[in-house]
Amino acid sequence: MSEKPPYMPTGIGMGMMSDDETRVGVLIFETAQGNFDFAVNLQAVDVLTKAINKIEMHLRSGRTH
């Protein structure tokens, strides 16, 4: 785990970027420290979806690990 506390999002946005060959989504996490933008392809969407579902399961059940 990180040595400093994680940033807590205060908002979230999204956008799309593309050129002739590639199209990616952009997640924009708004925090008190500033915005953090992440380019996301379909593989990243799958990974993020699984991670968020697992976090949700742990939060709902009260488990910490």
PDB file of N, CA and C in Angstrom:
ATOM      1  N   MET A   1       0.842  -1.184   0.000  1.00  0.00           N
ATOM      2  CA  MET A   1       0.000   0.000   0.000  1.00  0.00           C
ATOM      3  C   MET A   1       0.885   1.243   0.000  1.00  0.00           C
ATOM      4  N   SER A   2       0.358   2.319  -0.503  1.00  0.00           N
ATOM      5  CA  SER A   2       1.085   3.579  -0.607  1.00  0.00           C
ATOM      6  C   SER A   2       1.425   4.128   0.777  1.00  0.00           C
ATOM      7  N   GLU A   3       2.529   4.874   0.854  1.00  0.00           N
ATOM      8  CA  GLU A   3       2.937   5.490   2.113  1.00  0.00           C
ATOM      9  C   GLU A   3       2.109   6.725   2.453  1.00  0.00           C
ATOM     10  N   LYS A   4       1.445   7.320   1.469  1.00  0.00           N
ATOM     11  CA  LYS A   4       0.597   8.473   1.720  1.00  0.00           C
ATOM     12  C   LYS A   4      -0.857   8.082   1.447  1.00  0.00           C
ATOM     13  N   PRO A   5      -1.800   8.785   2.055  1.00  0.00           N
ATOM     14  CA  PRO A   5      -3.201   8.423   1.843  1.00  0.00           C
ATOM     15  C   PRO A   5      -3.615   8.643   0.388  1.00  0.00           C
ATOM     16  N   PRO A   6      -4.552   7.843  -0.104  1.00  0.00           N
ATOM     17  CA  PRO A   6      -5.003   8.006  -1.492  1.00  0.00           C
ATOM     18  C   PRO A   6      -5.844   9.273  -1.645  1.00  0.00           C
ATOM     19  N   TYR A   7      -5.905   9.771  -2.853  1.00  0.00           N
ATOM     20  CA  TYR A   7      -6.752  10.914  -3.159  1.00  0.00           C
ATOM     21  C   TYR A   7      -8.206  10.468  -3.158  1.00  0.00           C
ATOM     22  N   MET A   8      -9.091  11.283  -2.599  1.00  0.00           N
ATOM     23  CA  MET A   8     -10.522  10.988  -2.597  1.00  0.00           C
ATOM     24  C   MET A   8     -11.176  11.806  -3.703  1.00  0.00           C
ATOM     25  N   PRO A   9     -11.770  11.150  -4.687  1.00  0.00           N
ATOM     26  CA  PRO A   9     -12.419  11.906  -5.764  1.00  0.00           C
ATOM     27  C   PRO A   9     -13.593  12.730  -5.242  1.00  0.00           C
ATOM     28  N   THR A  10     -13.692  13.951  -5.748  1.00  0.00           N
ATOM     29  CA  THR A  10     -14.834  14.804  -5.452  1.00  0.00           C
ATOM     30  C   THR A  10     -15.781  14.859  -6.640  1.00  0.00           C
ATOM     31  N   GLY A  11     -15.335  14.328  -7.762  1.00  0.00           N
ATOM     32  CA  GLY A  11     -16.133  14.272  -8.975  1.00  0.00           C
ATOM     33  C   GLY A  11     -15.431  13.394  -9.989  1.00  0.00           C
ATOM     34  N   ILE A  12     -16.156  13.032 -11.020  1.00  0.00           N
ATOM     35  CA  ILE A  12     -15.570  12.213 -12.085  1.00  0.00           C
ATOM     36  C   ILE A  12     -16.191  12.634 -13.411  1.00  0.00           C
ATOM     37  N   GLY A  13     -15.372  12.664 -14.426  1.00  0.00           N
ATOM     38  CA  GLY A  13     -15.835  12.991 -15.764  1.00  0.00           C
ATOM     39  C   GLY A  13     -15.270  11.988 -16.752  1.00  0.00           C
ATOM     40  N   MET A  14     -15.709  12.080 -17.969  1.00  0.00           N
ATOM     41  CA  MET A  14     -15.189  11.184 -19.001  1.00  0.00           C
ATOM     42  C   MET A  14     -15.205  11.891 -20.334  1.00  0.00           C
ATOM     43  N   GLY A  15     -14.381  11.391 -21.225  1.00  0.00           N
ATOM     44  CA  GLY A  15     -14.315  11.915 -22.574  1.00  0.00           C
ATOM     45  C   GLY A  15     -13.774  10.842 -23.496  1.00  0.00           C
ATOM     46  N   MET A  16     -13.670  11.147 -24.761  1.00  0.00           N
ATOM     47  CA  MET A  16     -13.128  10.218 -25.753  1.00  0.00           C
ATOM     48  C   MET A  16     -12.057  10.939 -26.553  1.00  0.00           C
ATOM     49  N   MET A  17     -11.013  10.183 -26.914  1.00  0.00           N
ATOM     50  CA  MET A  17      -9.953  10.690 -27.786  1.00  0.00           C
ATOM     51  C   MET A  17      -9.763   9.679 -28.905  1.00  0.00           C
ATOM     52  N   SER A  18      -9.476  10.181 -30.096  1.00  0.00           N
ATOM     53  CA  SER A  18      -9.219   9.247 -31.195  1.00  0.00           C
ATOM     54  C   SER A  18      -8.349   9.917 -32.246  1.00  0.00           C
ATOM     55  N   ASP A  19      -7.656   9.043 -32.976  1.00  0.00           N
ATOM     56  CA  ASP A  19      -6.961   9.478 -34.180  1.00  0.00           C
ATOM     57  C   ASP A  19      -7.366   8.486 -35.270  1.00  0.00           C
ATOM     58  N   ASP A  20      -6.641   8.436 -36.346  1.00  0.00           N
ATOM     59  CA  ASP A  20      -7.030   7.548 -37.444  1.00  0.00           C
ATOM     60  C   ASP A  20      -6.962   6.072 -37.071  1.00  0.00           C
ATOM     61  N   GLU A  21      -6.141   5.714 -36.089  1.00  0.00           N
ATOM     62  CA  GLU A  21      -5.926   4.309 -35.758  1.00  0.00           C
ATOM     63  C   GLU A  21      -6.477   3.876 -34.409  1.00  0.00           C
ATOM     64  N   THR A  22      -6.561   4.774 -33.452  1.00  0.00           N
ATOM     65  CA  THR A  22      -6.837   4.387 -32.078  1.00  0.00           C
ATOM     66  C   THR A  22      -7.937   5.251 -31.480  1.00  0.00           C
ATOM     67  N   ARG A  23      -8.763   4.611 -30.665  1.00  0.00           N
ATOM     68  CA  ARG A  23      -9.777   5.340 -29.904  1.00  0.00           C
ATOM     69  C   ARG A  23      -9.664   4.900 -28.452  1.00  0.00           C
ATOM     70  N   VAL A  24      -9.601   5.855 -27.541  1.00  0.00           N
ATOM     71  CA  VAL A  24      -9.528   5.552 -26.109  1.00  0.00           C
ATOM     72  C   VAL A  24     -10.490   6.454 -25.359  1.00  0.00           C
ATOM     73  N   GLY A  25     -10.942   5.944 -24.219  1.00  0.00           N
ATOM     74  CA  GLY A  25     -11.726   6.754 -23.307  1.00  0.00           C
ATOM     75  C   GLY A  25     -10.782   7.463 -22.352  1.00  0.00           C
ATOM     76  N   VAL A  26     -11.266   8.532 -21.771  1.00  0.00           N
ATOM     77  CA  VAL A  26     -10.480   9.261 -20.775  1.00  0.00           C
ATOM     78  C   VAL A  26     -11.339   9.396 -19.518  1.00  0.00           C
ATOM     79  N   LEU A  27     -10.810   8.889 -18.398  1.00  0.00           N
ATOM     80  CA  LEU A  27     -11.446   9.094 -17.105  1.00  0.00           C
ATOM     81  C   LEU A  27     -10.777  10.278 -16.434  1.00  0.00           C
ATOM     82  N   ILE A  28     -11.579  11.173 -15.921  1.00  0.00           N
ATOM     83  CA  ILE A  28     -11.067  12.365 -15.256  1.00  0.00           C
ATOM     84  C   ILE A  28     -11.549  12.328 -13.809  1.00  0.00           C
ATOM     85  N   PHE A  29     -10.619  12.074 -12.896  1.00  0.00           N
ATOM     86  CA  PHE A  29     -10.941  12.063 -11.471  1.00  0.00           C
ATOM     87  C   PHE A  29     -10.634  13.451 -10.922  1.00  0.00           C
ATOM     88  N   GLU A  30     -11.659  14.114 -10.395  1.00  0.00           N
ATOM     89  CA  GLU A  30     -11.498  15.430  -9.797  1.00  0.00           C
ATOM     90  C   GLU A  30     -11.248  15.235  -8.304  1.00  0.00           C
ATOM     91  N   THR A  31     -10.195  15.876  -7.767  1.00  0.00           N
ATOM     92  CA  THR A  31      -9.881  15.793  -6.343  1.00  0.00           C
ATOM     93  C   THR A  31      -9.551  17.194  -5.842  1.00  0.00           C
ATOM     94  N   ALA A  32      -9.457  17.324  -4.536  1.00  0.00           N
ATOM     95  CA  ALA A  32      -9.069  18.608  -3.953  1.00  0.00           C
ATOM     96  C   ALA A  32      -7.651  18.996  -4.372  1.00  0.00           C
ATOM     97  N   GLN A  33      -6.830  18.005  -4.736  1.00  0.00           N
ATOM     98  CA  GLN A  33      -5.451  18.271  -5.157  1.00  0.00           C
ATOM     99  C   GLN A  33      -5.331  18.565  -6.642  1.00  0.00           C
ATOM    100  N   GLY A  34      -6.401  18.441  -7.397  1.00  0.00           N
ATOM    101  CA  GLY A  34      -6.376  18.673  -8.836  1.00  0.00           C
ATOM    102  C   GLY A  34      -6.997  17.511  -9.583  1.00  0.00           C
ATOM    103  N   ASN A  35      -7.056  17.610 -10.884  1.00  0.00           N
ATOM    104  CA  ASN A  35      -7.634  16.559 -11.722  1.00  0.00           C
ATOM    105  C   ASN A  35      -6.567  15.566 -12.164  1.00  0.00           C
ATOM    106  N   PHE A  36      -6.955  14.304 -12.254  1.00  0.00           N
ATOM    107  CA  PHE A  36      -6.083  13.248 -12.741  1.00  0.00           C
ATOM    108  C   PHE A  36      -6.784  12.581 -13.917  1.00  0.00           C
ATOM    109  N   ASP A  37      -6.164  12.624 -15.088  1.00  0.00           N
ATOM    110  CA  ASP A  37      -6.743  12.083 -16.321  1.00  0.00           C
ATOM    111  C   ASP A  37      -6.048  10.770 -16.673  1.00  0.00           C
ATOM    112  N   PHE A  38      -6.835   9.763 -17.051  1.00  0.00           N
ATOM    113  CA  PHE A  38      -6.314   8.455 -17.421  1.00  0.00           C
ATOM    114  C   PHE A  38      -6.907   8.035 -18.753  1.00  0.00           C
ATOM    115  N   ALA A  39      -6.050   7.663 -19.710  1.00  0.00           N
ATOM    116  CA  ALA A  39      -6.516   7.088 -20.973  1.00  0.00           C
ATOM    117  C   ALA A  39      -6.834   5.617 -20.724  1.00  0.00           C
ATOM    118  N   VAL A  40      -7.955   5.147 -21.261  1.00  0.00           N
ATOM    119  CA  VAL A  40      -8.441   3.795 -20.991  1.00  0.00           C
ATOM    120  C   VAL A  40      -8.850   3.124 -22.301  1.00  0.00           C
ATOM    121  N   ASN A  41      -8.228   1.955 -22.583  1.00  0.00           N
ATOM    122  CA  ASN A  41      -8.652   1.169 -23.743  1.00  0.00           C
ATOM    123  C   ASN A  41      -9.588   0.055 -23.267  1.00  0.00           C
ATOM    124  N   LEU A  42     -10.038  -0.804 -24.164  1.00  0.00           N
ATOM    125  CA  LEU A  42     -10.987  -1.855 -23.777  1.00  0.00           C
ATOM    126  C   LEU A  42     -10.401  -2.830 -22.765  1.00  0.00           C
ATOM    127  N   GLN A  43      -9.118  -3.153 -22.883  1.00  0.00           N
ATOM    128  CA  GLN A  43      -8.489  -4.047 -21.914  1.00  0.00           C
ATOM    129  C   GLN A  43      -8.506  -3.406 -20.525  1.00  0.00           C
ATOM    130  N   ALA A  44      -8.209  -2.128 -20.447  1.00  0.00           N
ATOM    131  CA  ALA A  44      -8.237  -1.427 -19.161  1.00  0.00           C
ATOM    132  C   ALA A  44      -9.654  -1.369 -18.599  1.00  0.00           C
ATOM    133  N   VAL A  45     -10.649  -1.217 -19.456  1.00  0.00           N
ATOM    134  CA  VAL A  45     -12.044  -1.218 -18.999  1.00  0.00           C
ATOM    135  C   VAL A  45     -12.361  -2.542 -18.307  1.00  0.00           C
ATOM    136  N   ASP A  46     -11.929  -3.656 -18.893  1.00  0.00           N
ATOM    137  CA  ASP A  46     -12.169  -4.969 -18.275  1.00  0.00           C
ATOM    138  C   ASP A  46     -11.498  -5.068 -16.906  1.00  0.00           C
ATOM    139  N   VAL A  47     -10.258  -4.639 -16.814  1.00  0.00           N
ATOM    140  CA  VAL A  47      -9.511  -4.700 -15.551  1.00  0.00           C
ATOM    141  C   VAL A  47     -10.162  -3.799 -14.499  1.00  0.00           C
ATOM    142  N   LEU A  48     -10.499  -2.571 -14.884  1.00  0.00           N
ATOM    143  CA  LEU A  48     -11.135  -1.642 -13.947  1.00  0.00           C
ATOM    144  C   LEU A  48     -12.495  -2.142 -13.479  1.00  0.00           C
ATOM    145  N   THR A  49     -13.275  -2.713 -14.385  1.00  0.00           N
ATOM    146  CA  THR A  49     -14.589  -3.242 -14.028  1.00  0.00           C
ATOM    147  C   THR A  49     -14.454  -4.344 -12.984  1.00  0.00           C
ATOM    148  N   LYS A  50     -13.518  -5.265 -13.189  1.00  0.00           N
ATOM    149  CA  LYS A  50     -13.307  -6.346 -12.215  1.00  0.00           C
ATOM    150  C   LYS A  50     -12.857  -5.786 -10.871  1.00  0.00           C
ATOM    151  N   ALA A  51     -11.944  -4.818 -10.896  1.00  0.00           N
ATOM    152  CA  ALA A  51     -11.441  -4.234  -9.648  1.00  0.00           C
ATOM    153  C   ALA A  51     -12.549  -3.498  -8.898  1.00  0.00           C
ATOM    154  N   ILE A  52     -13.344  -2.709  -9.604  1.00  0.00           N
ATOM    155  CA  ILE A  52     -14.426  -1.967  -8.959  1.00  0.00           C
ATOM    156  C   ILE A  52     -15.474  -2.922  -8.402  1.00  0.00           C
ATOM    157  N   ASN A  53     -15.791  -3.980  -9.139  1.00  0.00           N
ATOM    158  CA  ASN A  53     -16.748  -4.970  -8.636  1.00  0.00           C
ATOM    159  C   ASN A  53     -16.232  -5.639  -7.367  1.00  0.00           C
ATOM    160  N   LYS A  54     -14.934  -5.939  -7.326  1.00  0.00           N
ATOM    161  CA  LYS A  54     -14.347  -6.571  -6.142  1.00  0.00           C
ATOM    162  C   LYS A  54     -14.359  -5.596  -4.956  1.00  0.00           C
ATOM    163  N   ILE A  55     -14.013  -4.330  -5.204  1.00  0.00           N
ATOM    164  CA  ILE A  55     -14.068  -3.322  -4.138  1.00  0.00           C
ATOM    165  C   ILE A  55     -15.499  -3.199  -3.614  1.00  0.00           C
ATOM    166  N   GLU A  56     -16.465  -3.156  -4.515  1.00  0.00           N
ATOM    167  CA  GLU A  56     -17.865  -3.049  -4.107  1.00  0.00           C
ATOM    168  C   GLU A  56     -18.260  -4.234  -3.227  1.00  0.00           C
ATOM    169  N   MET A  57     -17.872  -5.432  -3.626  1.00  0.00           N
ATOM    170  CA  MET A  57     -18.201  -6.626  -2.858  1.00  0.00           C
ATOM    171  C   MET A  57     -17.629  -6.531  -1.443  1.00  0.00           C
ATOM    172  N   HIS A  58     -16.376  -6.101  -1.327  1.00  0.00           N
ATOM    173  CA  HIS A  58     -15.743  -5.985  -0.011  1.00  0.00           C
ATOM    174  C   HIS A  58     -16.394  -4.888   0.832  1.00  0.00           C
ATOM    175  N   LEU A  59     -16.725  -3.759   0.221  1.00  0.00           N
ATOM    176  CA  LEU A  59     -17.359  -2.673   0.959  1.00  0.00           C
ATOM    177  C   LEU A  59     -18.745  -3.069   1.465  1.00  0.00           C
ATOM    178  N   ARG A  60     -19.485  -3.775   0.633  1.00  0.00           N
ATOM    179  CA  ARG A  60     -20.837  -4.182   1.033  1.00  0.00           C
ATOM    180  C   ARG A  60     -20.814  -5.254   2.122  1.00  0.00           C
ATOM    181  N   SER A  61     -19.817  -6.107   2.101  1.00  0.00           N
ATOM    182  CA  SER A  61     -19.748  -7.196   3.086  1.00  0.00           C
ATOM    183  C   SER A  61     -19.022  -6.777   4.363  1.00  0.00           C
ATOM    184  N   GLY A  62     -18.331  -5.653   4.333  1.00  0.00           N
ATOM    185  CA  GLY A  62     -17.593  -5.202   5.506  1.00  0.00           C
ATOM    186  C   GLY A  62     -16.218  -5.811   5.633  1.00  0.00           C
ATOM    187  N   ARG A  63     -15.795  -6.628   4.644  1.00  0.00           N
ATOM    188  CA  ARG A  63     -14.465  -7.225   4.700  1.00  0.00           C
ATOM    189  C   ARG A  63     -13.407  -6.192   4.339  1.00  0.00           C
ATOM    190  N   THR A  64     -12.198  -6.371   4.894  1.00  0.00           N
ATOM    191  CA  THR A  64     -11.121  -5.427   4.612  1.00  0.00           C
ATOM    192  C   THR A  64     -10.066  -6.018   3.689  1.00  0.00           C
ATOM    193  N   HIS A  65     -10.042  -7.332   3.466  1.00  0.00           N
ATOM    194  CA  HIS A  65      -9.021  -7.937   2.599  1.00  0.00           C
ATOM    195  C   HIS A  65      -9.690  -8.735   1.511  1.00  0.00           C
TER     196      HIS A  65
END
